[in-house]
Amino acid sequence: MSNRRKLAPLLATIPITAVMGLNAFSSVASSPRFETFHTLDVIRLMAAGAACAGTLVGLIVLLVKCFGCPASEDKRAEEQSARESN
């Protein structure tokens, strides 16, 4: 399976999650005063934060999968040289 097909679900979920988070935040931010916030508004803010956190984690995973992690490559090289020496 190609690398592009493996990343397709991740590439699809990142923008969807970002739009959902920004939409939830903008609906709460449109309230004219902080004193008018209700319980539902606080839950929307928590959902917006969770969506933004999910987007951030998705972007980090995408970057690591696309560009690799140098530390893990060094570790693999060390393990491979240790196997060859034994």
PDB file of N, CA and C in Angstrom:
ATOM      1  N   MET A   1       0.846  -1.178   0.000  1.00  0.00           N
ATOM      2  CA  MET A   1       0.000   0.000   0.000  1.00  0.00           C
ATOM      3  C   MET A   1       0.889   1.237   0.000  1.00  0.00           C
ATOM      4  N   SER A   2       0.541   2.170  -0.827  1.00  0.00           N
ATOM      5  CA  SER A   2       1.368   3.359  -0.947  1.00  0.00           C
ATOM      6  C   SER A   2       1.227   4.253   0.288  1.00  0.00           C
ATOM      7  N   ASN A   3       2.213   5.096   0.457  1.00  0.00           N
ATOM      8  CA  ASN A   3       2.227   6.010   1.594  1.00  0.00           C
ATOM      9  C   ASN A   3       1.077   7.004   1.511  1.00  0.00           C
ATOM     10  N   ARG A   4       0.704   7.377   0.285  1.00  0.00           N
ATOM     11  CA  ARG A   4      -0.381   8.345   0.097  1.00  0.00           C
ATOM     12  C   ARG A   4      -1.718   7.767   0.567  1.00  0.00           C
ATOM     13  N   ARG A   5      -1.942   6.501   0.320  1.00  0.00           N
ATOM     14  CA  ARG A   5      -3.192   5.864   0.757  1.00  0.00           C
ATOM     15  C   ARG A   5      -3.242   5.701   2.271  1.00  0.00           C
ATOM     16  N   LYS A   6      -2.113   5.516   2.889  1.00  0.00           N
ATOM     17  CA  LYS A   6      -2.079   5.391   4.345  1.00  0.00           C
ATOM     18  C   LYS A   6      -2.412   6.722   5.019  1.00  0.00           C
ATOM     19  N   LEU A   7      -2.045   7.818   4.391  1.00  0.00           N
ATOM     20  CA  LEU A   7      -2.257   9.141   4.975  1.00  0.00           C
ATOM     21  C   LEU A   7      -3.606   9.752   4.606  1.00  0.00           C
ATOM     22  N   ALA A   8      -4.351   9.132   3.700  1.00  0.00           N
ATOM     23  CA  ALA A   8      -5.613   9.701   3.229  1.00  0.00           C
ATOM     24  C   ALA A   8      -6.619   9.934   4.363  1.00  0.00           C
ATOM     25  N   PRO A   9      -6.851   8.972   5.277  1.00  0.00           N
ATOM     26  CA  PRO A   9      -7.805   9.256   6.360  1.00  0.00           C
ATOM     27  C   PRO A   9      -7.354  10.402   7.255  1.00  0.00           C
ATOM     28  N   LEU A  10      -6.067  10.485   7.506  1.00  0.00           N
ATOM     29  CA  LEU A  10      -5.542  11.559   8.342  1.00  0.00           C
ATOM     30  C   LEU A  10      -5.686  12.903   7.638  1.00  0.00           C
ATOM     31  N   LEU A  11      -5.417  12.928   6.341  1.00  0.00           N
ATOM     32  CA  LEU A  11      -5.560  14.171   5.591  1.00  0.00           C
ATOM     33  C   LEU A  11      -7.014  14.610   5.496  1.00  0.00           C
ATOM     34  N   ALA A  12      -7.934  13.675   5.550  1.00  0.00           N
ATOM     35  CA  ALA A  12      -9.352  14.027   5.483  1.00  0.00           C
ATOM     36  C   ALA A  12      -9.863  14.531   6.829  1.00  0.00           C
ATOM     37  N   THR A  13      -9.375  13.977   7.922  1.00  0.00           N
ATOM     38  CA  THR A  13      -9.912  14.342   9.234  1.00  0.00           C
ATOM     39  C   THR A  13      -9.353  15.653   9.774  1.00  0.00           C
ATOM     40  N   ILE A  14      -8.154  16.022   9.398  1.00  0.00           N
ATOM     41  CA  ILE A  14      -7.548  17.246   9.940  1.00  0.00           C
ATOM     42  C   ILE A  14      -8.359  18.493   9.576  1.00  0.00           C
ATOM     43  N   PRO A  15      -8.694  18.730   8.299  1.00  0.00           N
ATOM     44  CA  PRO A  15      -9.471  19.942   8.010  1.00  0.00           C
ATOM     45  C   PRO A  15     -10.890  19.896   8.574  1.00  0.00           C
ATOM     46  N   ILE A  16     -11.490  18.717   8.593  1.00  0.00           N
ATOM     47  CA  ILE A  16     -12.843  18.603   9.143  1.00  0.00           C
ATOM     48  C   ILE A  16     -12.843  18.954  10.622  1.00  0.00           C
ATOM     49  N   THR A  17     -11.877  18.445  11.354  1.00  0.00           N
ATOM     50  CA  THR A  17     -11.780  18.732  12.784  1.00  0.00           C
ATOM     51  C   THR A  17     -11.495  20.211  13.024  1.00  0.00           C
ATOM     52  N   ALA A  18     -10.635  20.778  12.212  1.00  0.00           N
ATOM     53  CA  ALA A  18     -10.313  22.201  12.368  1.00  0.00           C
ATOM     54  C   ALA A  18     -11.542  23.073  12.113  1.00  0.00           C
ATOM     55  N   VAL A  19     -12.310  22.753  11.086  1.00  0.00           N
ATOM     56  CA  VAL A  19     -13.511  23.536  10.782  1.00  0.00           C
ATOM     57  C   VAL A  19     -14.535  23.400  11.903  1.00  0.00           C
ATOM     58  N   MET A  20     -14.696  22.191  12.433  1.00  0.00           N
ATOM     59  CA  MET A  20     -15.647  21.993  13.530  1.00  0.00           C
ATOM     60  C   MET A  20     -15.240  22.797  14.759  1.00  0.00           C
ATOM     61  N   GLY A  21     -13.961  22.801  15.087  1.00  0.00           N
ATOM     62  CA  GLY A  21     -13.482  23.550  16.245  1.00  0.00           C
ATOM     63  C   GLY A  21     -13.643  25.043  16.073  1.00  0.00           C
ATOM     64  N   LEU A  22     -13.291  25.536  14.896  1.00  0.00           N
ATOM     65  CA  LEU A  22     -13.430  26.974  14.651  1.00  0.00           C
ATOM     66  C   LEU A  22     -14.898  27.399  14.613  1.00  0.00           C
ATOM     67  N   ASN A  23     -15.745  26.545  14.089  1.00  0.00           N
ATOM     68  CA  ASN A  23     -17.171  26.845  14.060  1.00  0.00           C
ATOM     69  C   ASN A  23     -17.734  26.911  15.479  1.00  0.00           C
ATOM     70  N   ALA A  24     -17.359  25.964  16.321  1.00  0.00           N
ATOM     71  CA  ALA A  24     -17.840  25.983  17.708  1.00  0.00           C
ATOM     72  C   ALA A  24     -17.322  27.208  18.453  1.00  0.00           C
ATOM     73  N   PHE A  25     -16.069  27.546  18.223  1.00  0.00           N
ATOM     74  CA  PHE A  25     -15.513  28.721  18.899  1.00  0.00           C
ATOM     75  C   PHE A  25     -16.173  30.007  18.429  1.00  0.00           C
ATOM     76  N   SER A  26     -16.410  30.123  17.130  1.00  0.00           N
ATOM     77  CA  SER A  26     -17.008  31.358  16.624  1.00  0.00           C
ATOM     78  C   SER A  26     -18.449  31.520  17.086  1.00  0.00           C
ATOM     79  N   SER A  27     -19.156  30.401  17.280  1.00  0.00           N
ATOM     80  CA  SER A  27     -20.533  30.523  17.766  1.00  0.00           C
ATOM     81  C   SER A  27     -20.569  31.015  19.214  1.00  0.00           C
ATOM     82  N   VAL A  28     -19.592  30.627  20.005  1.00  0.00           N
ATOM     83  CA  VAL A  28     -19.531  31.103  21.389  1.00  0.00           C
ATOM     84  C   VAL A  28     -18.966  32.521  21.438  1.00  0.00           C
ATOM     85  N   ALA A  29     -17.995  32.802  20.578  1.00  0.00           N
ATOM     86  CA  ALA A  29     -17.373  34.129  20.584  1.00  0.00           C
ATOM     87  C   ALA A  29     -18.331  35.216  20.112  1.00  0.00           C
ATOM     88  N   SER A  30     -19.379  34.831  19.420  1.00  0.00           N
ATOM     89  CA  SER A  30     -20.320  35.842  18.944  1.00  0.00           C
ATOM     90  C   SER A  30     -21.252  36.346  20.051  1.00  0.00           C
ATOM     91  N   SER A  31     -21.181  35.718  21.222  1.00  0.00           N
ATOM     92  CA  SER A  31     -21.992  36.183  22.348  1.00  0.00           C
ATOM     93  C   SER A  31     -21.490  37.568  22.776  1.00  0.00           C
ATOM     94  N   PRO A  32     -22.391  38.503  22.998  1.00  0.00           N
ATOM     95  CA  PRO A  32     -21.944  39.876  23.243  1.00  0.00           C
ATOM     96  C   PRO A  32     -21.213  40.084  24.575  1.00  0.00           C
ATOM     97  N   ARG A  33     -21.566  39.327  25.601  1.00  0.00           N
ATOM     98  CA  ARG A  33     -20.945  39.552  26.908  1.00  0.00           C
ATOM     99  C   ARG A  33     -20.608  38.227  27.546  1.00  0.00           C
ATOM    100  N   PHE A  34     -19.553  38.244  28.344  1.00  0.00           N
ATOM    101  CA  PHE A  34     -19.133  37.033  29.052  1.00  0.00           C
ATOM    102  C   PHE A  34     -20.180  36.604  30.076  1.00  0.00           C
ATOM    103  N   GLU A  35     -20.890  37.544  30.649  1.00  0.00           N
ATOM    104  CA  GLU A  35     -21.881  37.229  31.677  1.00  0.00           C
ATOM    105  C   GLU A  35     -23.066  36.441  31.127  1.00  0.00           C
ATOM    106  N   THR A  36     -23.250  36.485  29.813  1.00  0.00           N
ATOM    107  CA  THR A  36     -24.388  35.783  29.223  1.00  0.00           C
ATOM    108  C   THR A  36     -24.068  34.339  28.856  1.00  0.00           C
ATOM    109  N   PHE A  37     -22.870  33.872  29.176  1.00  0.00           N
ATOM    110  CA  PHE A  37     -22.509  32.480  28.875  1.00  0.00           C
ATOM    111  C   PHE A  37     -23.346  31.544  29.727  1.00  0.00           C
ATOM    112  N   HIS A  38     -23.806  30.473  29.116  1.00  0.00           N
ATOM    113  CA  HIS A  38     -24.559  29.441  29.820  1.00  0.00           C
ATOM    114  C   HIS A  38     -23.745  28.150  29.806  1.00  0.00           C
ATOM    115  N   THR A  39     -24.285  27.123  30.434  1.00  0.00           N
ATOM    116  CA  THR A  39     -23.593  25.843  30.505  1.00  0.00           C
ATOM    117  C   THR A  39     -23.307  25.294  29.111  1.00  0.00           C
ATOM    118  N   LEU A  40     -24.250  25.418  28.210  1.00  0.00           N
ATOM    119  CA  LEU A  40     -24.058  24.932  26.853  1.00  0.00           C
ATOM    120  C   LEU A  40     -22.911  25.655  26.152  1.00  0.00           C
ATOM    121  N   ASP A  41     -22.733  26.934  26.437  1.00  0.00           N
ATOM    122  CA  ASP A  41     -21.631  27.685  25.841  1.00  0.00           C
ATOM    123  C   ASP A  41     -20.281  27.177  26.345  1.00  0.00           C
ATOM    124  N   VAL A  42     -20.234  26.828  27.616  1.00  0.00           N
ATOM    125  CA  VAL A  42     -18.986  26.279  28.171  1.00  0.00           C
ATOM    126  C   VAL A  42     -18.683  24.926  27.546  1.00  0.00           C
ATOM    127  N   ILE A  43     -19.698  24.122  27.340  1.00  0.00           N
ATOM    128  CA  ILE A  43     -19.494  22.825  26.689  1.00  0.00           C
ATOM    129  C   ILE A  43     -19.026  23.019  25.255  1.00  0.00           C
ATOM    130  N   ARG A  44     -19.571  24.009  24.560  1.00  0.00           N
ATOM    131  CA  ARG A  44     -19.109  24.304  23.199  1.00  0.00           C
ATOM    132  C   ARG A  44     -17.651  24.746  23.190  1.00  0.00           C
ATOM    133  N   LEU A  45     -17.263  25.551  24.179  1.00  0.00           N
ATOM    134  CA  LEU A  45     -15.858  25.959  24.263  1.00  0.00           C
ATOM    135  C   LEU A  45     -14.950  24.761  24.514  1.00  0.00           C
ATOM    136  N   MET A  46     -15.389  23.850  25.361  1.00  0.00           N
ATOM    137  CA  MET A  46     -14.597  22.641  25.614  1.00  0.00           C
ATOM    138  C   MET A  46     -14.500  21.784  24.350  1.00  0.00           C
ATOM    139  N   ALA A  47     -15.583  21.692  23.598  1.00  0.00           N
ATOM    140  CA  ALA A  47     -15.562  20.936  22.346  1.00  0.00           C
ATOM    141  C   ALA A  47     -14.649  21.599  21.327  1.00  0.00           C
ATOM    142  N   ALA A  48     -14.666  22.926  21.288  1.00  0.00           N
ATOM    143  CA  ALA A  48     -13.782  23.640  20.372  1.00  0.00           C
ATOM    144  C   ALA A  48     -12.318  23.405  20.742  1.00  0.00           C
ATOM    145  N   GLY A  49     -12.026  23.431  22.015  1.00  0.00           N
ATOM    146  CA  GLY A  49     -10.653  23.160  22.453  1.00  0.00           C
ATOM    147  C   GLY A  49     -10.217  21.742  22.132  1.00  0.00           C
ATOM    148  N   ALA A  50     -11.124  20.788  22.309  1.00  0.00           N
ATOM    149  CA  ALA A  50     -10.798  19.395  21.992  1.00  0.00           C
ATOM    150  C   ALA A  50     -10.582  19.225  20.490  1.00  0.00           C
ATOM    151  N   ALA A  51     -11.393  19.893  19.691  1.00  0.00           N
ATOM    152  CA  ALA A  51     -11.225  19.797  18.242  1.00  0.00           C
ATOM    153  C   ALA A  51      -9.911  20.424  17.798  1.00  0.00           C
ATOM    154  N   CYS A  52      -9.553  21.551  18.382  1.00  0.00           N
ATOM    155  CA  CYS A  52      -8.277  22.185  18.038  1.00  0.00           C
ATOM    156  C   CYS A  52      -7.096  21.333  18.498  1.00  0.00           C
ATOM    157  N   ALA A  53      -7.226  20.700  19.651  1.00  0.00           N
ATOM    158  CA  ALA A  53      -6.168  19.804  20.126  1.00  0.00           C
ATOM    159  C   ALA A  53      -6.046  18.590  19.214  1.00  0.00           C
ATOM    160  N   GLY A  54      -7.177  18.061  18.777  1.00  0.00           N
ATOM    161  CA  GLY A  54      -7.145  16.935  17.844  1.00  0.00           C
ATOM    162  C   GLY A  54      -6.512  17.306  16.526  1.00  0.00           C
ATOM    163  N   THR A  55      -6.775  18.517  16.062  1.00  0.00           N
ATOM    164  CA  THR A  55      -6.153  18.997  14.834  1.00  0.00           C
ATOM    165  C   THR A  55      -4.650  19.125  15.006  1.00  0.00           C
ATOM    166  N   LEU A  56      -4.223  19.649  16.122  1.00  0.00           N
ATOM    167  CA  LEU A  56      -2.793  19.802  16.382  1.00  0.00           C
ATOM    168  C   LEU A  56      -2.092  18.451  16.439  1.00  0.00           C
ATOM    169  N   VAL A  57      -2.705  17.499  17.130  1.00  0.00           N
ATOM    170  CA  VAL A  57      -2.127  16.157  17.206  1.00  0.00           C
ATOM    171  C   VAL A  57      -2.078  15.521  15.821  1.00  0.00           C
ATOM    172  N   GLY A  58      -3.141  15.710  15.040  1.00  0.00           N
ATOM    173  CA  GLY A  58      -3.155  15.177  13.681  1.00  0.00           C
ATOM    174  C   GLY A  58      -2.061  15.760  12.817  1.00  0.00           C
ATOM    175  N   LEU A  59      -1.831  17.057  12.942  1.00  0.00           N
ATOM    176  CA  LEU A  59      -0.757  17.694  12.177  1.00  0.00           C
ATOM    177  C   LEU A  59       0.608  17.175  12.590  1.00  0.00           C
ATOM    178  N   ILE A  60       0.798  16.967  13.878  1.00  0.00           N
ATOM    179  CA  ILE A  60       2.079  16.442  14.354  1.00  0.00           C
ATOM    180  C   ILE A  60       2.298  15.031  13.838  1.00  0.00           C
ATOM    181  N   VAL A  61       1.259  14.189  13.902  1.00  0.00           N
ATOM    182  CA  VAL A  61       1.374  12.822  13.388  1.00  0.00           C
ATOM    183  C   VAL A  61       1.662  12.842  11.891  1.00  0.00           C
ATOM    184  N   LEU A  62       0.987  13.728  11.165  1.00  0.00           N
ATOM    185  CA  LEU A  62       1.210  13.839   9.724  1.00  0.00           C
ATOM    186  C   LEU A  62       2.649  14.235   9.419  1.00  0.00           C
ATOM    187  N   LEU A  63       3.174  15.204  10.146  1.00  0.00           N
ATOM    188  CA  LEU A  63       4.560  15.629   9.920  1.00  0.00           C
ATOM    189  C   LEU A  63       5.552  14.527  10.243  1.00  0.00           C
ATOM    190  N   VAL A  64       5.300  13.799  11.309  1.00  0.00           N
ATOM    191  CA  VAL A  64       6.212  12.709  11.678  1.00  0.00           C
ATOM    192  C   VAL A  64       6.152  11.596  10.642  1.00  0.00           C
ATOM    193  N   LYS A  65       4.948  11.275  10.153  1.00  0.00           N
ATOM    194  CA  LYS A  65       4.836  10.214   9.151  1.00  0.00           C
ATOM    195  C   LYS A  65       5.427  10.626   7.813  1.00  0.00           C
ATOM    196  N   CYS A  66       5.277  11.885   7.446  1.00  0.00           N
ATOM    197  CA  CYS A  66       5.796  12.344   6.150  1.00  0.00           C
ATOM    198  C   CYS A  66       7.308  12.515   6.168  1.00  0.00           C
ATOM    199  N   PHE A  67       7.818  13.139   7.197  1.00  0.00           N
ATOM    200  CA  PHE A  67       9.237  13.464   7.229  1.00  0.00           C
ATOM    201  C   PHE A  67      10.050  12.536   8.110  1.00  0.00           C
ATOM    202  N   GLY A  68       9.401  11.703   8.892  1.00  0.00           N
ATOM    203  CA  GLY A  68      10.113  10.783   9.764  1.00  0.00           C
ATOM    204  C   GLY A  68      10.685  11.489  10.971  1.00  0.00           C
ATOM    205  N   CYS A  69      11.050  10.708  11.930  1.00  0.00           N
ATOM    206  CA  CYS A  69      11.637  11.233  13.146  1.00  0.00           C
ATOM    207  C   CYS A  69      13.124  10.892  13.134  1.00  0.00           C
ATOM    208  N   PRO A  70      14.008  11.883  13.142  1.00  0.00           N
ATOM    209  CA  PRO A  70      15.440  11.600  13.066  1.00  0.00           C
ATOM    210  C   PRO A  70      15.935  10.721  14.207  1.00  0.00           C
ATOM    211  N   ALA A  71      15.347  10.890  15.381  1.00  0.00           N
ATOM    212  CA  ALA A  71      15.799  10.086  16.514  1.00  0.00           C
ATOM    213  C   ALA A  71      15.480   8.613  16.286  1.00  0.00           C
ATOM    214  N   SER A  72      14.325   8.300  15.727  1.00  0.00           N
ATOM    215  CA  SER A  72      13.973   6.909  15.495  1.00  0.00           C
ATOM    216  C   SER A  72      14.831   6.300  14.391  1.00  0.00           C
ATOM    217  N   GLU A  73      15.211   7.114  13.393  1.00  0.00           N
ATOM    218  CA  GLU A  73      16.088   6.612  12.340  1.00  0.00           C
ATOM    219  C   GLU A  73      17.473   6.285  12.896  1.00  0.00           C
ATOM    220  N   ASP A  74      17.975   7.131  13.795  1.00  0.00           N
ATOM    221  CA  ASP A  74      19.263   6.858  14.418  1.00  0.00           C
ATOM    222  C   ASP A  74      19.189   5.590  15.257  1.00  0.00           C
ATOM    223  N   LYS A  75      18.095   5.415  15.963  1.00  0.00           N
ATOM    224  CA  LYS A  75      17.928   4.248  16.809  1.00  0.00           C
ATOM    225  C   LYS A  75      17.874   2.982  15.953  1.00  0.00           C
ATOM    226  N   ARG A  76      17.158   3.046  14.832  1.00  0.00           N
ATOM    227  CA  ARG A  76      17.095   1.886  13.929  1.00  0.00           C
ATOM    228  C   ARG A  76      18.473   1.553  13.385  1.00  0.00           C
ATOM    229  N   ALA A  77      19.238   2.569  13.042  1.00  0.00           N
ATOM    230  CA  ALA A  77      20.582   2.330  12.517  1.00  0.00           C
ATOM    231  C   ALA A  77      21.467   1.682  13.574  1.00  0.00           C
ATOM    232  N   GLU A  78      21.345   2.123  14.825  1.00  0.00           N
ATOM    233  CA  GLU A  78      22.127   1.523  15.908  1.00  0.00           C
ATOM    234  C   GLU A  78      21.728   0.069  16.133  1.00  0.00           C
ATOM    235  N   GLU A  79      20.412  -0.204  16.113  1.00  0.00           N
ATOM    236  CA  GLU A  79      19.946  -1.576  16.307  1.00  0.00           C
ATOM    237  C   GLU A  79      20.405  -2.479  15.169  1.00  0.00           C
ATOM    238  N   GLN A  80      20.378  -1.950  13.947  1.00  0.00           N
ATOM    239  CA  GLN A  80      20.800  -2.747  12.817  1.00  0.00           C
ATOM    240  C   GLN A  80      22.295  -3.037  12.864  1.00  0.00           C
ATOM    241  N   SER A  81      23.093  -2.055  13.268  1.00  0.00           N
ATOM    242  CA  SER A  81      24.535  -2.289  13.373  1.00  0.00           C
ATOM    243  C   SER A  81      24.839  -3.255  14.513  1.00  0.00           C
ATOM    244  N   ALA A  82      24.045  -3.221  15.571  1.00  0.00           N
ATOM    245  CA  ALA A  82      24.238  -4.170  16.669  1.00  0.00           C
ATOM    246  C   ALA A  82      23.896  -5.595  16.236  1.00  0.00           C
ATOM    247  N   ARG A  83      22.866  -5.748  15.424  1.00  0.00           N
ATOM    248  CA  ARG A  83      22.507  -7.074  14.905  1.00  0.00           C
ATOM    249  C   ARG A  83      23.571  -7.618  13.979  1.00  0.00           C
ATOM    250  N   GLU A  84      24.119  -6.741  13.135  1.00  0.00           N
ATOM    251  CA  GLU A  84      25.144  -7.172  12.194  1.00  0.00           C
ATOM    252  C   GLU A  84      26.426  -7.566  12.898  1.00  0.00           C
ATOM    253  N   SER A  85      26.739  -6.915  14.000  1.00  0.00           N
ATOM    254  CA  SER A  85      27.972  -7.236  14.720  1.00  0.00           C
ATOM    255  C   SER A  85      27.869  -8.548  15.497  1.00  0.00           C
ATOM    256  N   ASN A  86      26.646  -8.958  15.826  1.00  0.00           N
ATOM    257  CA  ASN A  86      26.456 -10.237  16.562  1.00  0.00           C
ATOM    258  C   ASN A  86      26.421 -11.356  15.625  1.00  0.00           C
TER     259      ASN A  86
END
